[in-house]
Amino acid sequence: HVVAMFAPSFLTGFVIKRIGATAVVASGLIL
């Protein structure tokens, strides 16, 4: 569980730069 909490962090920031923070938050709520 903790691995899953932090492993995506290598990519999350770059995804935010590309599609925006709001879209990333929405994806988080779906998950």
PDB file of all heavy atoms in Angstrom:
ATOM      1  N   HIS A   1       0.841  -1.197   0.000  1.00  0.00           N
ATOM      2  CA  HIS A   1       0.000   0.000   0.000  1.00  0.00           C
ATOM      3  C   HIS A   1       0.879   1.252   0.000  1.00  0.00           C
ATOM      4  O   HIS A   1       0.640   2.194  -0.778  1.00  0.00           O
ATOM      5  CB  HIS A   1      -0.911  -0.004   1.230  1.00  0.00           C
ATOM      6  CG  HIS A   1      -1.531   1.325   1.524  1.00  0.00           C
ATOM      7  ND1 HIS A   1      -2.496   1.891   0.726  1.00  0.00           N
ATOM      8  CD2 HIS A   1      -1.310   2.212   2.541  1.00  0.00           C
ATOM      9  CE1 HIS A   1      -2.856   3.068   1.229  1.00  0.00           C
ATOM     10  NE2 HIS A   1      -2.144   3.280   2.327  1.00  0.00           N
ATOM     11  N   VAL A   2       1.888   1.287   0.850  1.00  0.00           N
ATOM     12  CA  VAL A   2       2.772   2.452   0.927  1.00  0.00           C
ATOM     13  C   VAL A   2       3.589   2.591  -0.359  1.00  0.00           C
ATOM     14  O   VAL A   2       3.839   3.706  -0.837  1.00  0.00           O
ATOM     15  CB  VAL A   2       3.675   2.357   2.173  1.00  0.00           C
ATOM     16  CG1 VAL A   2       4.629   3.544   2.231  1.00  0.00           C
ATOM     17  CG2 VAL A   2       2.833   2.310   3.448  1.00  0.00           C
ATOM     18  N   VAL A   3       4.000   1.460  -0.951  1.00  0.00           N
ATOM     19  CA  VAL A   3       4.674   1.519  -2.255  1.00  0.00           C
ATOM     20  C   VAL A   3       3.769   2.203  -3.277  1.00  0.00           C
ATOM     21  O   VAL A   3       4.205   3.089  -4.032  1.00  0.00           O
ATOM     22  CB  VAL A   3       5.049   0.099  -2.736  1.00  0.00           C
ATOM     23  CG1 VAL A   3       5.491   0.133  -4.200  1.00  0.00           C
ATOM     24  CG2 VAL A   3       6.155  -0.488  -1.871  1.00  0.00           C
ATOM     25  N   ALA A   4       2.512   1.821  -3.300  1.00  0.00           N
ATOM     26  CA  ALA A   4       1.569   2.412  -4.249  1.00  0.00           C
ATOM     27  C   ALA A   4       1.309   3.882  -3.952  1.00  0.00           C
ATOM     28  O   ALA A   4       1.004   4.660  -4.865  1.00  0.00           O
ATOM     29  CB  ALA A   4       0.246   1.638  -4.221  1.00  0.00           C
ATOM     30  N   MET A   5       1.424   4.269  -2.679  1.00  0.00           N
ATOM     31  CA  MET A   5       1.260   5.677  -2.332  1.00  0.00           C
ATOM     32  C   MET A   5       2.347   6.546  -2.964  1.00  0.00           C
ATOM     33  O   MET A   5       2.073   7.684  -3.377  1.00  0.00           O
ATOM     34  CB  MET A   5       1.287   5.856  -0.803  1.00  0.00           C
ATOM     35  CG  MET A   5       0.045   5.386  -0.079  1.00  0.00           C
ATOM     36  SD  MET A   5       0.240   5.496   1.729  1.00  0.00           S
ATOM     37  CE  MET A   5       0.392   7.272   1.957  1.00  0.00           C
ATOM     38  N   PHE A   6       3.566   6.022  -3.027  1.00  0.00           N
ATOM     39  CA  PHE A   6       4.684   6.884  -3.384  1.00  0.00           C
ATOM     40  C   PHE A   6       5.371   6.543  -4.704  1.00  0.00           C
ATOM     41  O   PHE A   6       6.024   7.415  -5.281  1.00  0.00           O
ATOM     42  CB  PHE A   6       5.714   6.867  -2.255  1.00  0.00           C
ATOM     43  CG  PHE A   6       5.165   7.408  -0.957  1.00  0.00           C
ATOM     44  CD1 PHE A   6       4.899   6.563   0.107  1.00  0.00           C
ATOM     45  CD2 PHE A   6       4.880   8.753  -0.827  1.00  0.00           C
ATOM     46  CE1 PHE A   6       4.389   7.058   1.291  1.00  0.00           C
ATOM     47  CE2 PHE A   6       4.370   9.259   0.350  1.00  0.00           C
ATOM     48  CZ  PHE A   6       4.122   8.421   1.418  1.00  0.00           C
ATOM     49  N   ALA A   7       5.270   5.312  -5.195  1.00  0.00           N
ATOM     50  CA  ALA A   7       5.941   4.956  -6.446  1.00  0.00           C
ATOM     51  C   ALA A   7       5.492   5.815  -7.634  1.00  0.00           C
ATOM     52  O   ALA A   7       6.329   6.210  -8.459  1.00  0.00           O
ATOM     53  CB  ALA A   7       5.732   3.471  -6.745  1.00  0.00           C
ATOM     54  N   PRO A   8       4.192   6.143  -7.750  1.00  0.00           N
ATOM     55  CA  PRO A   8       3.791   6.986  -8.891  1.00  0.00           C
ATOM     56  C   PRO A   8       4.384   8.388  -8.853  1.00  0.00           C
ATOM     57  O   PRO A   8       4.313   9.105  -9.859  1.00  0.00           O
ATOM     58  CB  PRO A   8       2.254   7.043  -8.754  1.00  0.00           C
ATOM     59  CG  PRO A   8       1.882   5.858  -7.938  1.00  0.00           C
ATOM     60  CD  PRO A   8       3.025   5.676  -6.982  1.00  0.00           C
ATOM     61  N   SER A   9       4.978   8.783  -7.725  1.00  0.00           N
ATOM     62  CA  SER A   9       5.492  10.147  -7.595  1.00  0.00           C
ATOM     63  C   SER A   9       6.594  10.463  -8.589  1.00  0.00           C
ATOM     64  O   SER A   9       6.855  11.632  -8.883  1.00  0.00           O
ATOM     65  CB  SER A   9       6.001  10.374  -6.169  1.00  0.00           C
ATOM     66  OG  SER A   9       4.952  10.250  -5.229  1.00  0.00           O
ATOM     67  N   PHE A  10       7.269   9.432  -9.134  1.00  0.00           N
ATOM     68  CA  PHE A  10       8.274   9.675 -10.151  1.00  0.00           C
ATOM     69  C   PHE A  10       7.655  10.301 -11.407  1.00  0.00           C
ATOM     70  O   PHE A  10       8.343  10.990 -12.168  1.00  0.00           O
ATOM     71  CB  PHE A  10       8.983   8.371 -10.524  1.00  0.00           C
ATOM     72  CG  PHE A  10       9.910   7.853  -9.459  1.00  0.00           C
ATOM     73  CD1 PHE A  10       9.544   6.760  -8.678  1.00  0.00           C
ATOM     74  CD2 PHE A  10      11.134   8.463  -9.226  1.00  0.00           C
ATOM     75  CE1 PHE A  10      10.396   6.275  -7.693  1.00  0.00           C
ATOM     76  CE2 PHE A  10      11.991   7.981  -8.246  1.00  0.00           C
ATOM     77  CZ  PHE A  10      11.620   6.886  -7.469  1.00  0.00           C
ATOM     78  N   LEU A  11       6.367  10.051 -11.611  1.00  0.00           N
ATOM     79  CA  LEU A  11       5.701  10.521 -12.821  1.00  0.00           C
ATOM     80  C   LEU A  11       4.606  11.546 -12.573  1.00  0.00           C
ATOM     81  O   LEU A  11       4.276  12.321 -13.478  1.00  0.00           O
ATOM     82  CB  LEU A  11       5.084   9.330 -13.578  1.00  0.00           C
ATOM     83  CG  LEU A  11       6.063   8.245 -14.052  1.00  0.00           C
ATOM     84  CD1 LEU A  11       5.283   7.084 -14.668  1.00  0.00           C
ATOM     85  CD2 LEU A  11       7.044   8.811 -15.060  1.00  0.00           C
ATOM     86  N   THR A  12       4.026  11.573 -11.374  1.00  0.00           N
ATOM     87  CA  THR A  12       2.847  12.400 -11.126  1.00  0.00           C
ATOM     88  C   THR A  12       3.097  13.870 -11.438  1.00  0.00           C
ATOM     89  O   THR A  12       2.255  14.545 -12.050  1.00  0.00           O
ATOM     90  CB  THR A  12       2.382  12.249  -9.667  1.00  0.00           C
ATOM     91  OG1 THR A  12       2.200  10.869  -9.365  1.00  0.00           O
ATOM     92  CG2 THR A  12       1.075  12.986  -9.449  1.00  0.00           C
ATOM     93  N   GLY A  13       4.253  14.393 -11.025  1.00  0.00           N
ATOM     94  CA  GLY A  13       4.545  15.802 -11.277  1.00  0.00           C
ATOM     95  C   GLY A  13       4.600  16.122 -12.761  1.00  0.00           C
ATOM     96  O   GLY A  13       4.110  17.173 -13.198  1.00  0.00           O
ATOM     97  N   PHE A  14       5.203  15.238 -13.556  1.00  0.00           N
ATOM     98  CA  PHE A  14       5.271  15.463 -15.001  1.00  0.00           C
ATOM     99  C   PHE A  14       3.885  15.378 -15.638  1.00  0.00           C
ATOM    100  O   PHE A  14       3.582  16.110 -16.575  1.00  0.00           O
ATOM    101  CB  PHE A  14       6.220  14.440 -15.639  1.00  0.00           C
ATOM    102  CG  PHE A  14       7.645  14.585 -15.202  1.00  0.00           C
ATOM    103  CD1 PHE A  14       8.184  13.756 -14.232  1.00  0.00           C
ATOM    104  CD2 PHE A  14       8.459  15.571 -15.747  1.00  0.00           C
ATOM    105  CE1 PHE A  14       9.491  13.888 -13.818  1.00  0.00           C
ATOM    106  CE2 PHE A  14       9.780  15.722 -15.345  1.00  0.00           C
ATOM    107  CZ  PHE A  14      10.303  14.877 -14.365  1.00  0.00           C
ATOM    108  N   VAL A  15       3.042  14.475 -15.107  1.00  0.00           N
ATOM    109  CA  VAL A  15       1.673  14.376 -15.606  1.00  0.00           C
ATOM    110  C   VAL A  15       0.906  15.653 -15.295  1.00  0.00           C
ATOM    111  O   VAL A  15       0.134  16.156 -16.128  1.00  0.00           O
ATOM    112  CB  VAL A  15       0.961  13.146 -15.006  1.00  0.00           C
ATOM    113  CG1 VAL A  15      -0.496  13.108 -15.445  1.00  0.00           C
ATOM    114  CG2 VAL A  15       1.673  11.866 -15.426  1.00  0.00           C
ATOM    115  N   ILE A  16       1.124  16.213 -14.118  1.00  0.00           N
ATOM    116  CA  ILE A  16       0.455  17.466 -13.753  1.00  0.00           C
ATOM    117  C   ILE A  16       0.879  18.584 -14.703  1.00  0.00           C
ATOM    118  O   ILE A  16       0.052  19.395 -15.143  1.00  0.00           O
ATOM    119  CB  ILE A  16       0.776  17.843 -12.293  1.00  0.00           C
ATOM    120  CG1 ILE A  16       0.084  16.866 -11.334  1.00  0.00           C
ATOM    121  CG2 ILE A  16       0.323  19.280 -11.987  1.00  0.00           C
ATOM    122  CD1 ILE A  16       0.474  17.047  -9.882  1.00  0.00           C
ATOM    123  N   LYS A  17       2.168  18.632 -15.035  1.00  0.00           N
ATOM    124  CA  LYS A  17       2.635  19.655 -15.978  1.00  0.00           C
ATOM    125  C   LYS A  17       1.979  19.505 -17.336  1.00  0.00           C
ATOM    126  O   LYS A  17       1.750  20.487 -18.041  1.00  0.00           O
ATOM    127  CB  LYS A  17       4.161  19.569 -16.131  1.00  0.00           C
ATOM    128  CG  LYS A  17       4.950  20.219 -14.993  1.00  0.00           C
ATOM    129  CD  LYS A  17       6.445  20.062 -15.197  1.00  0.00           C
ATOM    130  CE  LYS A  17       6.952  20.780 -16.429  1.00  0.00           C
ATOM    131  NZ  LYS A  17       6.859  22.263 -16.311  1.00  0.00           N
ATOM    132  N   ARG A  18       1.623  18.277 -17.688  1.00  0.00           N
ATOM    133  CA  ARG A  18       1.073  18.031 -19.029  1.00  0.00           C
ATOM    134  C   ARG A  18      -0.442  18.230 -19.095  1.00  0.00           C
ATOM    135  O   ARG A  18      -0.943  18.882 -20.017  1.00  0.00           O
ATOM    136  CB  ARG A  18       1.437  16.613 -19.477  1.00  0.00           C
ATOM    137  CG  ARG A  18       0.991  16.303 -20.895  1.00  0.00           C
ATOM    138  CD  ARG A  18       1.524  14.977 -21.377  1.00  0.00           C
ATOM    139  NE  ARG A  18       1.132  14.685 -22.738  1.00  0.00           N
ATOM    140  CZ  ARG A  18       1.738  15.118 -23.820  1.00  0.00           C
ATOM    141  NH1 ARG A  18       2.815  15.884 -23.701  1.00  0.00           N
ATOM    142  NH2 ARG A  18       1.326  14.803 -25.027  1.00  0.00           N
ATOM    143  N   ILE A  19      -1.178  17.675 -18.124  1.00  0.00           N
ATOM    144  CA  ILE A  19      -2.648  17.721 -18.220  1.00  0.00           C
ATOM    145  C   ILE A  19      -3.294  18.571 -17.125  1.00  0.00           C
ATOM    146  O   ILE A  19      -4.507  18.779 -17.158  1.00  0.00           O
ATOM    147  CB  ILE A  19      -3.256  16.299 -18.179  1.00  0.00           C
ATOM    148  CG1 ILE A  19      -3.027  15.636 -16.810  1.00  0.00           C
ATOM    149  CG2 ILE A  19      -2.674  15.438 -19.290  1.00  0.00           C
ATOM    150  CD1 ILE A  19      -3.735  14.299 -16.677  1.00  0.00           C
ATOM    151  N   GLY A  20      -2.507  19.047 -16.172  1.00  0.00           N
ATOM    152  CA  GLY A  20      -3.059  19.918 -15.142  1.00  0.00           C
ATOM    153  C   GLY A  20      -3.384  19.183 -13.853  1.00  0.00           C
ATOM    154  O   GLY A  20      -3.694  17.985 -13.855  1.00  0.00           O
ATOM    155  N   ALA A  21      -3.343  19.920 -12.763  1.00  0.00           N
ATOM    156  CA  ALA A  21      -3.566  19.324 -11.448  1.00  0.00           C
ATOM    157  C   ALA A  21      -5.003  18.855 -11.265  1.00  0.00           C
ATOM    158  O   ALA A  21      -5.255  17.824 -10.632  1.00  0.00           O
ATOM    159  CB  ALA A  21      -3.197  20.323 -10.352  1.00  0.00           C
ATOM    160  N   THR A  22      -5.958  19.584 -11.817  1.00  0.00           N
ATOM    161  CA  THR A  22      -7.368  19.229 -11.617  1.00  0.00           C
ATOM    162  C   THR A  22      -7.683  17.855 -12.201  1.00  0.00           C
ATOM    163  O   THR A  22      -8.371  17.036 -11.573  1.00  0.00           O
ATOM    164  CB  THR A  22      -8.284  20.288 -12.256  1.00  0.00           C
ATOM    165  OG1 THR A  22      -7.975  21.569 -11.702  1.00  0.00           O
ATOM    166  CG2 THR A  22      -9.746  19.973 -11.979  1.00  0.00           C
ATOM    167  N   ALA A  23      -7.171  17.575 -13.402  1.00  0.00           N
ATOM    168  CA  ALA A  23      -7.408  16.275 -14.030  1.00  0.00           C
ATOM    169  C   ALA A  23      -6.753  15.151 -13.238  1.00  0.00           C
ATOM    170  O   ALA A  23      -7.309  14.052 -13.116  1.00  0.00           O
ATOM    171  CB  ALA A  23      -6.889  16.283 -15.465  1.00  0.00           C
ATOM    172  N   VAL A  24      -5.587  15.416 -12.662  1.00  0.00           N
ATOM    173  CA  VAL A  24      -4.908  14.398 -11.865  1.00  0.00           C
ATOM    174  C   VAL A  24      -5.690  14.118 -10.579  1.00  0.00           C
ATOM    175  O   VAL A  24      -5.829  12.955 -10.164  1.00  0.00           O
ATOM    176  CB  VAL A  24      -3.462  14.836 -11.556  1.00  0.00           C
ATOM    177  CG1 VAL A  24      -2.807  13.904 -10.545  1.00  0.00           C
ATOM    178  CG2 VAL A  24      -2.637  14.863 -12.841  1.00  0.00           C
ATOM    179  N   VAL A  25      -6.208  15.165  -9.952  1.00  0.00           N
ATOM    180  CA  VAL A  25      -7.026  14.971  -8.751  1.00  0.00           C
ATOM    181  C   VAL A  25      -8.275  14.152  -9.082  1.00  0.00           C
ATOM    182  O   VAL A  25      -8.665  13.249  -8.326  1.00  0.00           O
ATOM    183  CB  VAL A  25      -7.420  16.325  -8.139  1.00  0.00           C
ATOM    184  CG1 VAL A  25      -8.440  16.131  -7.010  1.00  0.00           C
ATOM    185  CG2 VAL A  25      -6.193  17.038  -7.588  1.00  0.00           C
ATOM    186  N   ALA A  26      -8.910  14.443 -10.212  1.00  0.00           N
ATOM    187  CA  ALA A  26     -10.101  13.688 -10.621  1.00  0.00           C
ATOM    188  C   ALA A  26      -9.768  12.203 -10.806  1.00  0.00           C
ATOM    189  O   ALA A  26     -10.540  11.327 -10.388  1.00  0.00           O
ATOM    190  CB  ALA A  26     -10.662  14.268 -11.917  1.00  0.00           C
ATOM    191  N   SER A  27      -8.620  11.917 -11.392  1.00  0.00           N
ATOM    192  CA  SER A  27      -8.191  10.525 -11.545  1.00  0.00           C
ATOM    193  C   SER A  27      -7.991   9.864 -10.187  1.00  0.00           C
ATOM    194  O   SER A  27      -8.330   8.690  -9.992  1.00  0.00           O
ATOM    195  CB  SER A  27      -6.881  10.462 -12.345  1.00  0.00           C
ATOM    196  OG  SER A  27      -7.042  11.034 -13.629  1.00  0.00           O
ATOM    197  N   GLY A  28      -7.463  10.628  -9.240  1.00  0.00           N
ATOM    198  CA  GLY A  28      -7.273  10.099  -7.903  1.00  0.00           C
ATOM    199  C   GLY A  28      -8.586   9.724  -7.233  1.00  0.00           C
ATOM    200  O   GLY A  28      -8.693   8.676  -6.590  1.00  0.00           O
ATOM    201  N   LEU A  29      -9.601  10.568  -7.398  1.00  0.00           N
ATOM    202  CA  LEU A  29     -10.910  10.272  -6.805  1.00  0.00           C
ATOM    203  C   LEU A  29     -11.512   9.001  -7.410  1.00  0.00           C
ATOM    204  O   LEU A  29     -12.125   8.191  -6.705  1.00  0.00           O
ATOM    205  CB  LEU A  29     -11.861  11.456  -7.013  1.00  0.00           C
ATOM    206  CG  LEU A  29     -11.507  12.746  -6.276  1.00  0.00           C
ATOM    207  CD1 LEU A  29     -12.494  13.849  -6.641  1.00  0.00           C
ATOM    208  CD2 LEU A  29     -11.484  12.528  -4.762  1.00  0.00           C
ATOM    209  N   ILE A  30     -11.340   8.828  -8.714  1.00  0.00           N
ATOM    210  CA  ILE A  30     -11.856   7.614  -9.370  1.00  0.00           C
ATOM    211  C   ILE A  30     -11.178   6.372  -8.804  1.00  0.00           C
ATOM    212  O   ILE A  30     -11.828   5.360  -8.508  1.00  0.00           O
ATOM    213  CB  ILE A  30     -11.645   7.709 -10.899  1.00  0.00           C
ATOM    214  CG1 ILE A  30     -12.534   8.803 -11.490  1.00  0.00           C
ATOM    215  CG2 ILE A  30     -11.939   6.366 -11.562  1.00  0.00           C
ATOM    216  CD1 ILE A  30     -12.238   9.108 -12.948  1.00  0.00           C
ATOM    217  N   LEU A  31      -9.865   6.451  -8.606  1.00  0.00           N
ATOM    218  CA  LEU A  31      -9.134   5.303  -8.065  1.00  0.00           C
ATOM    219  C   LEU A  31      -9.531   5.017  -6.619  1.00  0.00           C
ATOM    220  O   LEU A  31      -9.613   3.851  -6.206  1.00  0.00           O
ATOM    221  CB  LEU A  31      -7.630   5.553  -8.160  1.00  0.00           C
ATOM    222  CG  LEU A  31      -7.040   5.509  -9.578  1.00  0.00           C
ATOM    223  CD1 LEU A  31      -5.590   5.959  -9.567  1.00  0.00           C
ATOM    224  CD2 LEU A  31      -7.159   4.100 -10.163  1.00  0.00           C
TER     225      LEU A  31
END
